[in-house]
Amino acid sequence: MRVATVESSTLATVAYDEAQELLQLEFCSRAVYLYFGVPAAAYQALLGAASKGRYFNQSIRGRFPFCLISELHADARDAPGRSGAADRR
């Protein structure tokens, strides 16, 4: 799965696996979700959308099964016990 950084106030990265119709979205909050059964056309439309957040809300959210795979909020980087070194590559 190839990850693309996008210009958006909602999304940070977008990745897609065409063979599995699997869309991975990393939000600016750093939460990462997988969406299942997403056609390639929806992925391409998301990448080409002037507003990625609006396209997500209108065409992906609530239309495909999903699961949260990671949730790391920006303020968690400074949490006790985390050096943050991995975040500063």
PDB file of N, CA and C in Angstrom:
ATOM      1  N   MET A   1       0.857  -1.167   0.000  1.00  0.00           N
ATOM      2  CA  MET A   1       0.000   0.000   0.000  1.00  0.00           C
ATOM      3  C   MET A   1       0.907   1.235   0.000  1.00  0.00           C
ATOM      4  N   ARG A   2       0.668   2.103  -0.963  1.00  0.00           N
ATOM      5  CA  ARG A   2       1.472   3.316  -1.078  1.00  0.00           C
ATOM      6  C   ARG A   2       0.760   4.466  -0.378  1.00  0.00           C
ATOM      7  N   VAL A   3       1.480   5.173   0.487  1.00  0.00           N
ATOM      8  CA  VAL A   3       0.899   6.253   1.275  1.00  0.00           C
ATOM      9  C   VAL A   3       1.211   7.593   0.611  1.00  0.00           C
ATOM     10  N   ALA A   4       0.171   8.425   0.461  1.00  0.00           N
ATOM     11  CA  ALA A   4       0.341   9.758  -0.115  1.00  0.00           C
ATOM     12  C   ALA A   4      -0.029  10.807   0.930  1.00  0.00           C
ATOM     13  N   THR A   5       0.827  11.783   1.110  1.00  0.00           N
ATOM     14  CA  THR A   5       0.510  12.930   1.961  1.00  0.00           C
ATOM     15  C   THR A   5      -0.395  13.847   1.158  1.00  0.00           C
ATOM     16  N   VAL A   6      -1.442  14.358   1.796  1.00  0.00           N
ATOM     17  CA  VAL A   6      -2.390  15.220   1.088  1.00  0.00           C
ATOM     18  C   VAL A   6      -2.502  16.580   1.766  1.00  0.00           C
ATOM     19  N   GLU A   7      -2.875  17.574   0.977  1.00  0.00           N
ATOM     20  CA  GLU A   7      -3.142  18.919   1.490  1.00  0.00           C
ATOM     21  C   GLU A   7      -4.581  18.949   1.966  1.00  0.00           C
ATOM     22  N   SER A   8      -4.782  18.987   3.270  1.00  0.00           N
ATOM     23  CA  SER A   8      -6.127  18.948   3.826  1.00  0.00           C
ATOM     24  C   SER A   8      -6.084  19.356   5.292  1.00  0.00           C
ATOM     25  N   SER A   9      -7.149  19.990   5.735  1.00  0.00           N
ATOM     26  CA  SER A   9      -7.242  20.301   7.166  1.00  0.00           C
ATOM     27  C   SER A   9      -7.877  19.142   7.930  1.00  0.00           C
ATOM     28  N   THR A  10      -8.327  18.119   7.200  1.00  0.00           N
ATOM     29  CA  THR A  10      -8.962  16.948   7.808  1.00  0.00           C
ATOM     30  C   THR A  10      -8.062  15.713   7.746  1.00  0.00           C
ATOM     31  N   LEU A  11      -7.488  15.458   6.579  1.00  0.00           N
ATOM     32  CA  LEU A  11      -6.686  14.258   6.349  1.00  0.00           C
ATOM     33  C   LEU A  11      -5.202  14.588   6.249  1.00  0.00           C
ATOM     34  N   ALA A  12      -4.370  13.698   6.792  1.00  0.00           N
ATOM     35  CA  ALA A  12      -2.916  13.846   6.697  1.00  0.00           C
ATOM     36  C   ALA A  12      -2.361  12.977   5.574  1.00  0.00           C
ATOM     37  N   THR A  13      -2.788  11.695   5.543  1.00  0.00           N
ATOM     38  CA  THR A  13      -2.324  10.776   4.499  1.00  0.00           C
ATOM     39  C   THR A  13      -3.479   9.909   4.010  1.00  0.00           C
ATOM     40  N   VAL A  14      -3.295   9.412   2.782  1.00  0.00           N
ATOM     41  CA  VAL A  14      -4.269   8.524   2.141  1.00  0.00           C
ATOM     42  C   VAL A  14      -3.480   7.385   1.508  1.00  0.00           C
ATOM     43  N   ALA A  15      -3.940   6.148   1.691  1.00  0.00           N
ATOM     44  CA  ALA A  15      -3.306   4.993   1.054  1.00  0.00           C
ATOM     45  C   ALA A  15      -4.405   4.077   0.539  1.00  0.00           C
ATOM     46  N   TYR A  16      -4.088   3.316  -0.517  1.00  0.00           N
ATOM     47  CA  TYR A  16      -5.108   2.456  -1.124  1.00  0.00           C
ATOM     48  C   TYR A  16      -4.490   1.165  -1.630  1.00  0.00           C
ATOM     49  N   ASP A  17      -5.182   0.063  -1.397  1.00  0.00           N
ATOM     50  CA  ASP A  17      -4.814  -1.248  -1.927  1.00  0.00           C
ATOM     51  C   ASP A  17      -5.920  -1.651  -2.895  1.00  0.00           C
ATOM     52  N   GLU A  18      -5.625  -1.540  -4.180  1.00  0.00           N
ATOM     53  CA  GLU A  18      -6.648  -1.799  -5.199  1.00  0.00           C
ATOM     54  C   GLU A  18      -7.125  -3.246  -5.206  1.00  0.00           C
ATOM     55  N   ALA A  19      -6.215  -4.192  -5.014  1.00  0.00           N
ATOM     56  CA  ALA A  19      -6.583  -5.611  -5.038  1.00  0.00           C
ATOM     57  C   ALA A  19      -7.584  -5.947  -3.937  1.00  0.00           C
ATOM     58  N   GLN A  20      -7.452  -5.306  -2.776  1.00  0.00           N
ATOM     59  CA  GLN A  20      -8.338  -5.590  -1.647  1.00  0.00           C
ATOM     60  C   GLN A  20      -9.431  -4.530  -1.452  1.00  0.00           C
ATOM     61  N   GLU A  21      -9.408  -3.498  -2.311  1.00  0.00           N
ATOM     62  CA  GLU A  21     -10.334  -2.365  -2.177  1.00  0.00           C
ATOM     63  C   GLU A  21     -10.319  -1.822  -0.742  1.00  0.00           C
ATOM     64  N   LEU A  22      -9.110  -1.579  -0.266  1.00  0.00           N
ATOM     65  CA  LEU A  22      -8.873  -1.159   1.107  1.00  0.00           C
ATOM     66  C   LEU A  22      -8.308   0.263   1.107  1.00  0.00           C
ATOM     67  N   LEU A  23      -9.007   1.163   1.771  1.00  0.00           N
ATOM     68  CA  LEU A  23      -8.593   2.563   1.865  1.00  0.00           C
ATOM     69  C   LEU A  23      -8.147   2.849   3.289  1.00  0.00           C
ATOM     70  N   GLN A  24      -6.941   3.381   3.432  1.00  0.00           N
ATOM     71  CA  GLN A  24      -6.428   3.757   4.746  1.00  0.00           C
ATOM     72  C   GLN A  24      -6.353   5.274   4.805  1.00  0.00           C
ATOM     73  N   LEU A  25      -6.981   5.845   5.819  1.00  0.00           N
ATOM     74  CA  LEU A  25      -6.971   7.289   5.999  1.00  0.00           C
ATOM     75  C   LEU A  25      -6.365   7.639   7.352  1.00  0.00           C
ATOM     76  N   GLU A  26      -5.377   8.505   7.324  1.00  0.00           N
ATOM     77  CA  GLU A  26      -4.826   9.051   8.558  1.00  0.00           C
ATOM     78  C   GLU A  26      -5.348  10.480   8.662  1.00  0.00           C
ATOM     79  N   PHE A  27      -6.033  10.755   9.738  1.00  0.00           N
ATOM     80  CA  PHE A  27      -6.607  12.072   9.948  1.00  0.00           C
ATOM     81  C   PHE A  27      -5.575  12.983  10.614  1.00  0.00           C
ATOM     82  N   CYS A  28      -5.807  14.265  10.577  1.00  0.00           N
ATOM     83  CA  CYS A  28      -4.882  15.224  11.196  1.00  0.00           C
ATOM     84  C   CYS A  28      -4.765  14.994  12.701  1.00  0.00           C
ATOM     85  N   SER A  29      -5.768  14.362  13.303  1.00  0.00           N
ATOM     86  CA  SER A  29      -5.713  13.998  14.726  1.00  0.00           C
ATOM     87  C   SER A  29      -4.754  12.843  14.975  1.00  0.00           C
ATOM     88  N   ARG A  30      -4.250  12.243  13.902  1.00  0.00           N
ATOM     89  CA  ARG A  30      -3.366  11.071  13.888  1.00  0.00           C
ATOM     90  C   ARG A  30      -4.119   9.752  14.046  1.00  0.00           C
ATOM     91  N   ALA A  31      -5.419   9.776  14.116  1.00  0.00           N
ATOM     92  CA  ALA A  31      -6.203   8.545  14.107  1.00  0.00           C
ATOM     93  C   ALA A  31      -6.122   7.948  12.705  1.00  0.00           C
ATOM     94  N   VAL A  32      -5.942   6.629  12.619  1.00  0.00           N
ATOM     95  CA  VAL A  32      -5.842   5.940  11.334  1.00  0.00           C
ATOM     96  C   VAL A  32      -6.980   4.931  11.234  1.00  0.00           C
ATOM     97  N   TYR A  33      -7.720   5.018  10.145  1.00  0.00           N
ATOM     98  CA  TYR A  33      -8.859   4.134   9.903  1.00  0.00           C
ATOM     99  C   TYR A  33      -8.665   3.379   8.600  1.00  0.00           C
ATOM    100  N   LEU A  34      -9.182   2.156   8.572  1.00  0.00           N
ATOM    101  CA  LEU A  34      -9.259   1.378   7.344  1.00  0.00           C
ATOM    102  C   LEU A  34     -10.715   1.315   6.918  1.00  0.00           C
ATOM    103  N   TYR A  35     -10.964   1.531   5.631  1.00  0.00           N
ATOM    104  CA  TYR A  35     -12.301   1.429   5.046  1.00  0.00           C
ATOM    105  C   TYR A  35     -12.273   0.299   4.030  1.00  0.00           C
ATOM    106  N   PHE A  36     -13.277  -0.574   4.106  1.00  0.00           N
ATOM    107  CA  PHE A  36     -13.312  -1.790   3.298  1.00  0.00           C
ATOM    108  C   PHE A  36     -14.298  -1.674   2.146  1.00  0.00           C
ATOM    109  N   GLY A  37     -13.946  -2.307   1.008  1.00  0.00           N
ATOM    110  CA  GLY A  37     -14.843  -2.338  -0.141  1.00  0.00           C
ATOM    111  C   GLY A  37     -14.937  -1.014  -0.882  1.00  0.00           C
ATOM    112  N   VAL A  38     -13.900  -0.202  -0.785  1.00  0.00           N
ATOM    113  CA  VAL A  38     -13.903   1.108  -1.444  1.00  0.00           C
ATOM    114  C   VAL A  38     -13.396   0.940  -2.873  1.00  0.00           C
ATOM    115  N   PRO A  39     -14.206   1.300  -3.861  1.00  0.00           N
ATOM    116  CA  PRO A  39     -13.754   1.164  -5.250  1.00  0.00           C
ATOM    117  C   PRO A  39     -12.634   2.146  -5.587  1.00  0.00           C
ATOM    118  N   ALA A  40     -11.820   1.770  -6.563  1.00  0.00           N
ATOM    119  CA  ALA A  40     -10.700   2.606  -6.983  1.00  0.00           C
ATOM    120  C   ALA A  40     -11.172   3.999  -7.410  1.00  0.00           C
ATOM    121  N   ALA A  41     -12.341   4.081  -8.004  1.00  0.00           N
ATOM    122  CA  ALA A  41     -12.868   5.376  -8.456  1.00  0.00           C
ATOM    123  C   ALA A  41     -13.074   6.329  -7.273  1.00  0.00           C
ATOM    124  N   ALA A  42     -13.501   5.804  -6.132  1.00  0.00           N
ATOM    125  CA  ALA A  42     -13.700   6.641  -4.938  1.00  0.00           C
ATOM    126  C   ALA A  42     -12.352   7.130  -4.409  1.00  0.00           C
ATOM    127  N   TYR A  43     -11.353   6.285  -4.440  1.00  0.00           N
ATOM    128  CA  TYR A  43     -10.007   6.669  -4.018  1.00  0.00           C
ATOM    129  C   TYR A  43      -9.473   7.781  -4.916  1.00  0.00           C
ATOM    130  N   GLN A  44      -9.598   7.589  -6.237  1.00  0.00           N
ATOM    131  CA  GLN A  44      -9.113   8.594  -7.185  1.00  0.00           C
ATOM    132  C   GLN A  44      -9.864   9.917  -7.013  1.00  0.00           C
ATOM    133  N   ALA A  45     -11.163   9.832  -6.783  1.00  0.00           N
ATOM    134  CA  ALA A  45     -11.964  11.043  -6.587  1.00  0.00           C
ATOM    135  C   ALA A  45     -11.539  11.765  -5.312  1.00  0.00           C
ATOM    136  N   LEU A  46     -11.221  11.014  -4.268  1.00  0.00           N
ATOM    137  CA  LEU A  46     -10.750  11.616  -3.022  1.00  0.00           C
ATOM    138  C   LEU A  46      -9.452  12.380  -3.263  1.00  0.00           C
ATOM    139  N   LEU A  47      -8.510  11.748  -3.954  1.00  0.00           N
ATOM    140  CA  LEU A  47      -7.233  12.400  -4.227  1.00  0.00           C
ATOM    141  C   LEU A  47      -7.411  13.663  -5.062  1.00  0.00           C
ATOM    142  N   GLY A  48      -8.378  13.652  -5.978  1.00  0.00           N
ATOM    143  CA  GLY A  48      -8.589  14.783  -6.867  1.00  0.00           C
ATOM    144  C   GLY A  48      -9.533  15.851  -6.328  1.00  0.00           C
ATOM    145  N   ALA A  49     -10.149  15.585  -5.192  1.00  0.00           N
ATOM    146  CA  ALA A  49     -11.141  16.512  -4.648  1.00  0.00           C
ATOM    147  C   ALA A  49     -10.481  17.806  -4.164  1.00  0.00           C
ATOM    148  N   ALA A  50     -11.133  18.928  -4.446  1.00  0.00           N
ATOM    149  CA  ALA A  50     -10.639  20.219  -3.965  1.00  0.00           C
ATOM    150  C   ALA A  50     -10.669  20.255  -2.438  1.00  0.00           C
ATOM    151  N   SER A  51     -11.703  19.651  -1.841  1.00  0.00           N
ATOM    152  CA  SER A  51     -11.807  19.551  -0.388  1.00  0.00           C
ATOM    153  C   SER A  51     -11.865  18.067  -0.027  1.00  0.00           C
ATOM    154  N   LYS A  52     -10.751  17.554   0.479  1.00  0.00           N
ATOM    155  CA  LYS A  52     -10.693  16.128   0.843  1.00  0.00           C
ATOM    156  C   LYS A  52     -11.668  15.817   1.984  1.00  0.00           C
ATOM    157  N   GLY A  53     -11.779  16.721   2.959  1.00  0.00           N
ATOM    158  CA  GLY A  53     -12.686  16.518   4.083  1.00  0.00           C
ATOM    159  C   GLY A  53     -14.137  16.470   3.632  1.00  0.00           C
ATOM    160  N   ARG A  54     -14.512  17.374   2.739  1.00  0.00           N
ATOM    161  CA  ARG A  54     -15.887  17.389   2.234  1.00  0.00           C
ATOM    162  C   ARG A  54     -16.184  16.101   1.449  1.00  0.00           C
ATOM    163  N   TYR A  55     -15.231  15.690   0.591  1.00  0.00           N
ATOM    164  CA  TYR A  55     -15.442  14.451  -0.170  1.00  0.00           C
ATOM    165  C   TYR A  55     -15.580  13.267   0.787  1.00  0.00           C
ATOM    166  N   PHE A  56     -14.705  13.202   1.782  1.00  0.00           N
ATOM    167  CA  PHE A  56     -14.793  12.117   2.761  1.00  0.00           C
ATOM    168  C   PHE A  56     -16.172  12.092   3.413  1.00  0.00           C
ATOM    169  N   ASN A  57     -16.626  13.241   3.896  1.00  0.00           N
ATOM    170  CA  ASN A  57     -17.918  13.301   4.592  1.00  0.00           C
ATOM    171  C   ASN A  57     -19.099  12.966   3.694  1.00  0.00           C
ATOM    172  N   GLN A  58     -19.029  13.330   2.437  1.00  0.00           N
ATOM    173  CA  GLN A  58     -20.145  13.103   1.523  1.00  0.00           C
ATOM    174  C   GLN A  58     -20.124  11.734   0.854  1.00  0.00           C
ATOM    175  N   SER A  59     -18.938  11.180   0.632  1.00  0.00           N
ATOM    176  CA  SER A  59     -18.861   9.978  -0.208  1.00  0.00           C
ATOM    177  C   SER A  59     -18.261   8.740   0.438  1.00  0.00           C
ATOM    178  N   ILE A  60     -17.610   8.889   1.580  1.00  0.00           N
ATOM    179  CA  ILE A  60     -16.972   7.729   2.221  1.00  0.00           C
ATOM    180  C   ILE A  60     -17.557   7.468   3.602  1.00  0.00           C
ATOM    181  N   ARG A  61     -17.603   8.482   4.445  1.00  0.00           N
ATOM    182  CA  ARG A  61     -18.117   8.323   5.810  1.00  0.00           C
ATOM    183  C   ARG A  61     -19.549   7.768   5.785  1.00  0.00           C
ATOM    184  N   GLY A  62     -19.762   6.693   6.540  1.00  0.00           N
ATOM    185  CA  GLY A  62     -21.084   6.095   6.639  1.00  0.00           C
ATOM    186  C   GLY A  62     -21.488   5.228   5.460  1.00  0.00           C
ATOM    187  N   ARG A  63     -20.625   5.108   4.461  1.00  0.00           N
ATOM    188  CA  ARG A  63     -20.953   4.318   3.260  1.00  0.00           C
ATOM    189  C   ARG A  63     -20.170   3.008   3.157  1.00  0.00           C
ATOM    190  N   PHE A  64     -19.101   2.898   3.921  1.00  0.00           N
ATOM    191  CA  PHE A  64     -18.255   1.705   3.860  1.00  0.00           C
ATOM    192  C   PHE A  64     -17.946   1.224   5.275  1.00  0.00           C
ATOM    193  N   PRO A  65     -17.834  -0.095   5.451  1.00  0.00           N
ATOM    194  CA  PRO A  65     -17.418  -0.614   6.759  1.00  0.00           C
ATOM    195  C   PRO A  65     -15.997  -0.129   7.059  1.00  0.00           C
ATOM    196  N   PHE A  66     -15.699   0.080   8.332  1.00  0.00           N
ATOM    197  CA  PHE A  66     -14.390   0.612   8.707  1.00  0.00           C
ATOM    198  C   PHE A  66     -13.976   0.084  10.063  1.00  0.00           C
ATOM    199  N   CYS A  67     -12.693   0.282  10.373  1.00  0.00           N
ATOM    200  CA  CYS A  67     -12.206   0.016  11.723  1.00  0.00           C
ATOM    201  C   CYS A  67     -11.074   0.985  12.029  1.00  0.00           C
ATOM    202  N   LEU A  68     -10.979   1.357  13.290  1.00  0.00           N
ATOM    203  CA  LEU A  68      -9.898   2.198  13.785  1.00  0.00           C
ATOM    204  C   LEU A  68      -8.697   1.297  14.003  1.00  0.00           C
ATOM    205  N   ILE A  69      -7.572   1.642  13.402  1.00  0.00           N
ATOM    206  CA  ILE A  69      -6.386   0.797  13.605  1.00  0.00           C
ATOM    207  C   ILE A  69      -5.339   1.474  14.474  1.00  0.00           C
ATOM    208  N   SER A  70      -5.392   2.797  14.601  1.00  0.00           N
ATOM    209  CA  SER A  70      -4.416   3.492  15.438  1.00  0.00           C
ATOM    210  C   SER A  70      -4.982   4.838  15.831  1.00  0.00           C
ATOM    211  N   GLU A  71      -4.723   5.211  17.072  1.00  0.00           N
ATOM    212  CA  GLU A  71      -5.169   6.516  17.533  1.00  0.00           C
ATOM    213  C   GLU A  71      -4.087   7.119  18.402  1.00  0.00           C
ATOM    214  N   LEU A  72      -3.405   8.111  17.863  1.00  0.00           N
ATOM    215  CA  LEU A  72      -2.358   8.818  18.590  1.00  0.00           C
ATOM    216  C   LEU A  72      -2.625  10.297  18.418  1.00  0.00           C
ATOM    217  N   HIS A  73      -3.133  10.917  19.433  1.00  0.00           N
ATOM    218  CA  HIS A  73      -3.428  12.343  19.361  1.00  0.00           C
ATOM    219  C   HIS A  73      -2.142  13.138  19.484  1.00  0.00           C
ATOM    220  N   ALA A  74      -2.123  14.286  18.881  1.00  0.00           N
ATOM    221  CA  ALA A  74      -0.927  15.132  18.860  1.00  0.00           C
ATOM    222  C   ALA A  74      -0.378  15.375  20.263  1.00  0.00           C
ATOM    223  N   ASP A  75      -1.242  15.571  21.266  1.00  0.00           N
ATOM    224  CA  ASP A  75      -0.765  15.830  22.620  1.00  0.00           C
ATOM    225  C   ASP A  75      -0.181  14.595  23.285  1.00  0.00           C
ATOM    226  N   ALA A  76      -0.411  13.414  22.731  1.00  0.00           N
ATOM    227  CA  ALA A  76       0.135  12.182  23.308  1.00  0.00           C
ATOM    228  C   ALA A  76       1.640  12.075  23.066  1.00  0.00           C
ATOM    229  N   ARG A  77       2.176  12.820  22.103  1.00  0.00           N
ATOM    230  CA  ARG A  77       3.614  12.782  21.840  1.00  0.00           C
ATOM    231  C   ARG A  77       4.413  13.228  23.050  1.00  0.00           C
ATOM    232  N   ASP A  78       3.838  14.105  23.840  1.00  0.00           N
ATOM    233  CA  ASP A  78       4.542  14.623  25.005  1.00  0.00           C
ATOM    234  C   ASP A  78       4.138  13.934  26.300  1.00  0.00           C
ATOM    235  N   ALA A  79       3.412  12.838  26.182  1.00  0.00           N
ATOM    236  CA  ALA A  79       2.946  12.116  27.363  1.00  0.00           C
ATOM    237  C   ALA A  79       4.126  11.499  28.107  1.00  0.00           C
ATOM    238  N   PRO A  80       4.020  11.347  29.415  1.00  0.00           N
ATOM    239  CA  PRO A  80       5.097  10.713  30.176  1.00  0.00           C
ATOM    240  C   PRO A  80       5.394   9.319  29.637  1.00  0.00           C
ATOM    241  N   GLY A  81       6.673   8.984  29.550  1.00  0.00           N
ATOM    242  CA  GLY A  81       7.053   7.656  29.110  1.00  0.00           C
ATOM    243  C   GLY A  81       7.254   7.552  27.613  1.00  0.00           C
ATOM    244  N   ARG A  82       7.018   8.639  26.881  1.00  0.00           N
ATOM    245  CA  ARG A  82       7.238   8.632  25.438  1.00  0.00           C
ATOM    246  C   ARG A  82       8.359   9.620  25.120  1.00  0.00           C
ATOM    247  N   SER A  83       9.388   9.139  24.477  1.00  0.00           N
ATOM    248  CA  SER A  83      10.493  10.028  24.127  1.00  0.00           C
ATOM    249  C   SER A  83      10.153  10.881  22.926  1.00  0.00           C
ATOM    250  N   GLY A  84       9.272  10.371  22.052  1.00  0.00           N
ATOM    251  CA  GLY A  84       8.915  11.100  20.847  1.00  0.00           C
ATOM    252  C   GLY A  84       9.943  10.984  19.754  1.00  0.00           C
ATOM    253  N   ALA A  85      11.019  10.252  19.980  1.00  0.00           N
ATOM    254  CA  ALA A  85      12.080  10.149  18.989  1.00  0.00           C
ATOM    255  C   ALA A  85      11.573   9.580  17.675  1.00  0.00           C
ATOM    256  N   ALA A  86      10.691   8.618  17.717  1.00  0.00           N
ATOM    257  CA  ALA A  86      10.175   8.018  16.501  1.00  0.00           C
ATOM    258  C   ALA A  86       9.334   9.009  15.711  1.00  0.00           C
ATOM    259  N   ASP A  87       8.786  10.010  16.361  1.00  0.00           N
ATOM    260  CA  ASP A  87       7.941  10.989  15.682  1.00  0.00           C
ATOM    261  C   ASP A  87       8.766  12.087  15.015  1.00  0.00           C
ATOM    262  N   ARG A  88      10.052  12.139  15.283  1.00  0.00           N
ATOM    263  CA  ARG A  88      10.865  13.253  14.788  1.00  0.00           C
ATOM    264  C   ARG A  88      11.838  12.831  13.715  1.00  0.00           C
ATOM    265  N   ARG A  89      11.507  11.823  12.950  1.00  0.00           N
ATOM    266  CA  ARG A  89      12.423  11.348  11.905  1.00  0.00           C
ATOM    267  C   ARG A  89      12.538  12.354  10.788  1.00  0.00           C
TER     268      ARG A  89
END
